[in-house]
Amino acid sequence: MADAPTVKGPASYFPSIEKTYGHPISHWMALLQQAGPQKHMALVNWLKTEHAMGHGHANALVAVFLADQ
């Protein structure tokens, strides 16, 4: 039986983010979309201040969000 591929990089934080904050990743991506065009650290700081998110989790979400833009 083959093992599932291991998720690496920022997306590896997603299960922990969903468990810790009680929302699916799609919720956070929609919020980032609504936040409008901003630089990486501005979005990280917004998640930290407005949504009480830890730095690592916020950074991972923003990295994936901006990579998909």
N, C-alpha and C. Protein backbone atom coordinates (compact mmCIF):
# COMPACT_ATOMS: atom_id res chain seq x y z
N MET A 1 0.85 -1.18 0.00
CA MET A 1 0.00 0.00 0.00
C MET A 1 0.90 1.24 0.00
N ALA A 2 0.65 2.14 -0.92
CA ALA A 2 1.45 3.36 -1.05
C ALA A 2 0.99 4.41 -0.04
N ASP A 3 1.95 5.07 0.55
CA ASP A 3 1.62 6.16 1.47
C ASP A 3 1.21 7.39 0.68
N ALA A 4 0.33 8.20 1.29
CA ALA A 4 -0.06 9.47 0.66
C ALA A 4 1.16 10.38 0.62
N PRO A 5 1.29 11.19 -0.44
CA PRO A 5 2.44 12.09 -0.51
C PRO A 5 2.40 13.10 0.63
N THR A 6 3.56 13.39 1.17
CA THR A 6 3.68 14.35 2.26
C THR A 6 3.60 15.76 1.71
N VAL A 7 2.74 16.56 2.31
CA VAL A 7 2.61 17.96 1.92
C VAL A 7 3.77 18.73 2.54
N LYS A 8 4.44 19.53 1.74
CA LYS A 8 5.57 20.31 2.22
C LYS A 8 5.32 21.78 1.97
N GLY A 9 6.12 22.61 2.56
CA GLY A 9 6.01 24.04 2.37
C GLY A 9 4.87 24.63 3.18
N PRO A 10 4.44 25.83 2.82
CA PRO A 10 3.41 26.52 3.59
C PRO A 10 2.11 25.74 3.75
N ALA A 11 1.73 24.96 2.74
CA ALA A 11 0.48 24.20 2.81
C ALA A 11 0.51 23.14 3.91
N SER A 12 1.69 22.79 4.40
CA SER A 12 1.78 21.81 5.47
C SER A 12 1.15 22.34 6.77
N TYR A 13 0.98 23.65 6.87
CA TYR A 13 0.35 24.26 8.03
C TYR A 13 -1.18 24.20 7.97
N PHE A 14 -1.76 23.90 6.83
CA PHE A 14 -3.20 24.01 6.65
C PHE A 14 -4.03 23.17 7.62
N PRO A 15 -3.69 21.90 7.87
CA PRO A 15 -4.50 21.15 8.84
C PRO A 15 -4.51 21.79 10.23
N SER A 16 -3.37 22.30 10.65
CA SER A 16 -3.28 22.95 11.95
C SER A 16 -4.07 24.25 11.98
N ILE A 17 -4.03 25.00 10.88
CA ILE A 17 -4.79 26.25 10.80
C ILE A 17 -6.28 25.97 10.91
N GLU A 18 -6.74 24.97 10.17
CA GLU A 18 -8.17 24.63 10.21
C GLU A 18 -8.58 24.18 11.61
N LYS A 19 -7.77 23.39 12.25
CA LYS A 19 -8.08 22.90 13.60
C LYS A 19 -8.04 24.03 14.63
N THR A 20 -7.03 24.86 14.56
CA THR A 20 -6.83 25.92 15.55
C THR A 20 -7.88 27.02 15.46
N TYR A 21 -8.23 27.43 14.24
CA TYR A 21 -9.10 28.59 14.06
C TYR A 21 -10.53 28.23 13.65
N GLY A 22 -10.79 26.95 13.40
CA GLY A 22 -12.15 26.49 13.17
C GLY A 22 -12.79 26.87 11.84
N HIS A 23 -11.97 27.23 10.88
CA HIS A 23 -12.47 27.60 9.55
C HIS A 23 -11.66 26.87 8.49
N PRO A 24 -12.28 26.52 7.37
CA PRO A 24 -11.51 25.89 6.28
C PRO A 24 -10.58 26.91 5.63
N ILE A 25 -9.61 26.42 4.94
CA ILE A 25 -8.64 27.29 4.26
C ILE A 25 -9.35 28.20 3.27
N SER A 26 -10.41 27.72 2.64
CA SER A 26 -11.15 28.56 1.69
C SER A 26 -11.70 29.82 2.35
N HIS A 27 -12.05 29.75 3.63
CA HIS A 27 -12.53 30.92 4.38
C HIS A 27 -11.42 31.97 4.45
N TRP A 28 -10.22 31.52 4.79
CA TRP A 28 -9.09 32.46 4.94
C TRP A 28 -8.68 33.04 3.59
N MET A 29 -8.73 32.23 2.55
CA MET A 29 -8.38 32.73 1.22
C MET A 29 -9.39 33.78 0.75
N ALA A 30 -10.67 33.56 1.06
CA ALA A 30 -11.70 34.55 0.71
C ALA A 30 -11.47 35.85 1.46
N LEU A 31 -11.11 35.76 2.74
CA LEU A 31 -10.83 36.98 3.51
C LEU A 31 -9.63 37.73 2.94
N LEU A 32 -8.59 37.00 2.57
CA LEU A 32 -7.42 37.65 1.98
C LEU A 32 -7.78 38.31 0.66
N GLN A 33 -8.63 37.68 -0.12
CA GLN A 33 -9.08 38.27 -1.39
C GLN A 33 -9.81 39.58 -1.13
N GLN A 34 -10.66 39.59 -0.11
CA GLN A 34 -11.44 40.79 0.23
C GLN A 34 -10.56 41.89 0.81
N ALA A 35 -9.42 41.53 1.37
CA ALA A 35 -8.53 42.53 1.97
C ALA A 35 -7.93 43.46 0.92
N GLY A 36 -7.98 43.05 -0.32
CA GLY A 36 -7.47 43.90 -1.39
C GLY A 36 -5.98 43.70 -1.59
N PRO A 37 -5.45 44.30 -2.64
CA PRO A 37 -4.03 44.12 -2.95
C PRO A 37 -3.15 44.79 -1.90
N GLN A 38 -2.37 43.99 -1.24
CA GLN A 38 -1.42 44.48 -0.23
C GLN A 38 -0.16 43.63 -0.32
N LYS A 39 0.89 44.13 0.28
CA LYS A 39 2.14 43.38 0.31
C LYS A 39 2.04 42.24 1.32
N HIS A 40 2.94 41.29 1.18
CA HIS A 40 2.95 40.09 2.01
C HIS A 40 2.84 40.41 3.51
N MET A 41 3.75 41.20 4.01
CA MET A 41 3.78 41.45 5.46
C MET A 41 2.57 42.25 5.93
N ALA A 42 2.01 43.08 5.08
CA ALA A 42 0.80 43.81 5.46
C ALA A 42 -0.35 42.83 5.67
N LEU A 43 -0.46 41.84 4.80
CA LEU A 43 -1.50 40.83 4.94
C LEU A 43 -1.25 39.94 6.17
N VAL A 44 0.00 39.58 6.41
CA VAL A 44 0.34 38.79 7.60
C VAL A 44 -0.05 39.55 8.86
N ASN A 45 0.32 40.81 8.92
CA ASN A 45 0.00 41.62 10.10
C ASN A 45 -1.50 41.81 10.26
N TRP A 46 -2.23 41.91 9.16
CA TRP A 46 -3.68 42.03 9.22
C TRP A 46 -4.30 40.77 9.83
N LEU A 47 -3.86 39.60 9.38
CA LEU A 47 -4.37 38.35 9.95
C LEU A 47 -4.04 38.25 11.44
N LYS A 48 -2.85 38.70 11.80
CA LYS A 48 -2.44 38.63 13.21
C LYS A 48 -3.26 39.57 14.08
N THR A 49 -3.50 40.77 13.63
CA THR A 49 -4.20 41.75 14.46
C THR A 49 -5.71 41.60 14.41
N GLU A 50 -6.26 41.36 13.23
CA GLU A 50 -7.72 41.31 13.08
C GLU A 50 -8.31 39.93 13.40
N HIS A 51 -7.49 38.89 13.30
CA HIS A 51 -8.01 37.54 13.47
C HIS A 51 -7.22 36.73 14.51
N ALA A 52 -6.35 37.39 15.26
CA ALA A 52 -5.58 36.77 16.35
C ALA A 52 -4.85 35.51 15.89
N MET A 53 -4.32 35.55 14.70
CA MET A 53 -3.62 34.40 14.13
C MET A 53 -2.14 34.49 14.47
N GLY A 54 -1.53 33.35 14.71
CA GLY A 54 -0.10 33.31 14.95
C GLY A 54 0.68 33.66 13.69
N HIS A 55 1.91 34.08 13.87
CA HIS A 55 2.73 34.53 12.75
C HIS A 55 2.95 33.43 11.71
N GLY A 56 3.31 32.24 12.14
CA GLY A 56 3.59 31.16 11.20
C GLY A 56 2.38 30.79 10.37
N HIS A 57 1.22 30.71 11.02
CA HIS A 57 -0.01 30.38 10.30
C HIS A 57 -0.37 31.48 9.31
N ALA A 58 -0.28 32.73 9.75
CA ALA A 58 -0.60 33.85 8.87
C ALA A 58 0.36 33.90 7.68
N ASN A 59 1.62 33.70 7.94
CA ASN A 59 2.63 33.72 6.89
C ASN A 59 2.39 32.63 5.86
N ALA A 60 2.03 31.43 6.33
CA ALA A 60 1.76 30.32 5.41
C ALA A 60 0.56 30.62 4.52
N LEU A 61 -0.51 31.12 5.11
CA LEU A 61 -1.70 31.45 4.32
C LEU A 61 -1.39 32.50 3.26
N VAL A 62 -0.70 33.56 3.66
CA VAL A 62 -0.39 34.64 2.72
C VAL A 62 0.54 34.16 1.62
N ALA A 63 1.51 33.33 1.96
CA ALA A 63 2.44 32.82 0.95
C ALA A 63 1.69 32.05 -0.14
N VAL A 64 0.77 31.17 0.28
CA VAL A 64 0.02 30.39 -0.69
C VAL A 64 -0.95 31.30 -1.46
N PHE A 65 -1.59 32.21 -0.75
CA PHE A 65 -2.53 33.14 -1.40
C PHE A 65 -1.84 33.95 -2.49
N LEU A 66 -0.71 34.54 -2.18
CA LEU A 66 -0.01 35.39 -3.16
C LEU A 66 0.59 34.56 -4.30
N ALA A 67 0.99 33.32 -4.03
CA ALA A 67 1.52 32.46 -5.08
C ALA A 67 0.46 32.11 -6.11
N ASP A 68 -0.80 32.10 -5.67
CA ASP A 68 -1.90 31.75 -6.57
C ASP A 68 -2.45 32.96 -7.33
N GLN A 69 -1.96 34.15 -7.03
CA GLN A 69 -2.48 35.36 -7.67
C GLN A 69 -1.86 35.59 -9.02
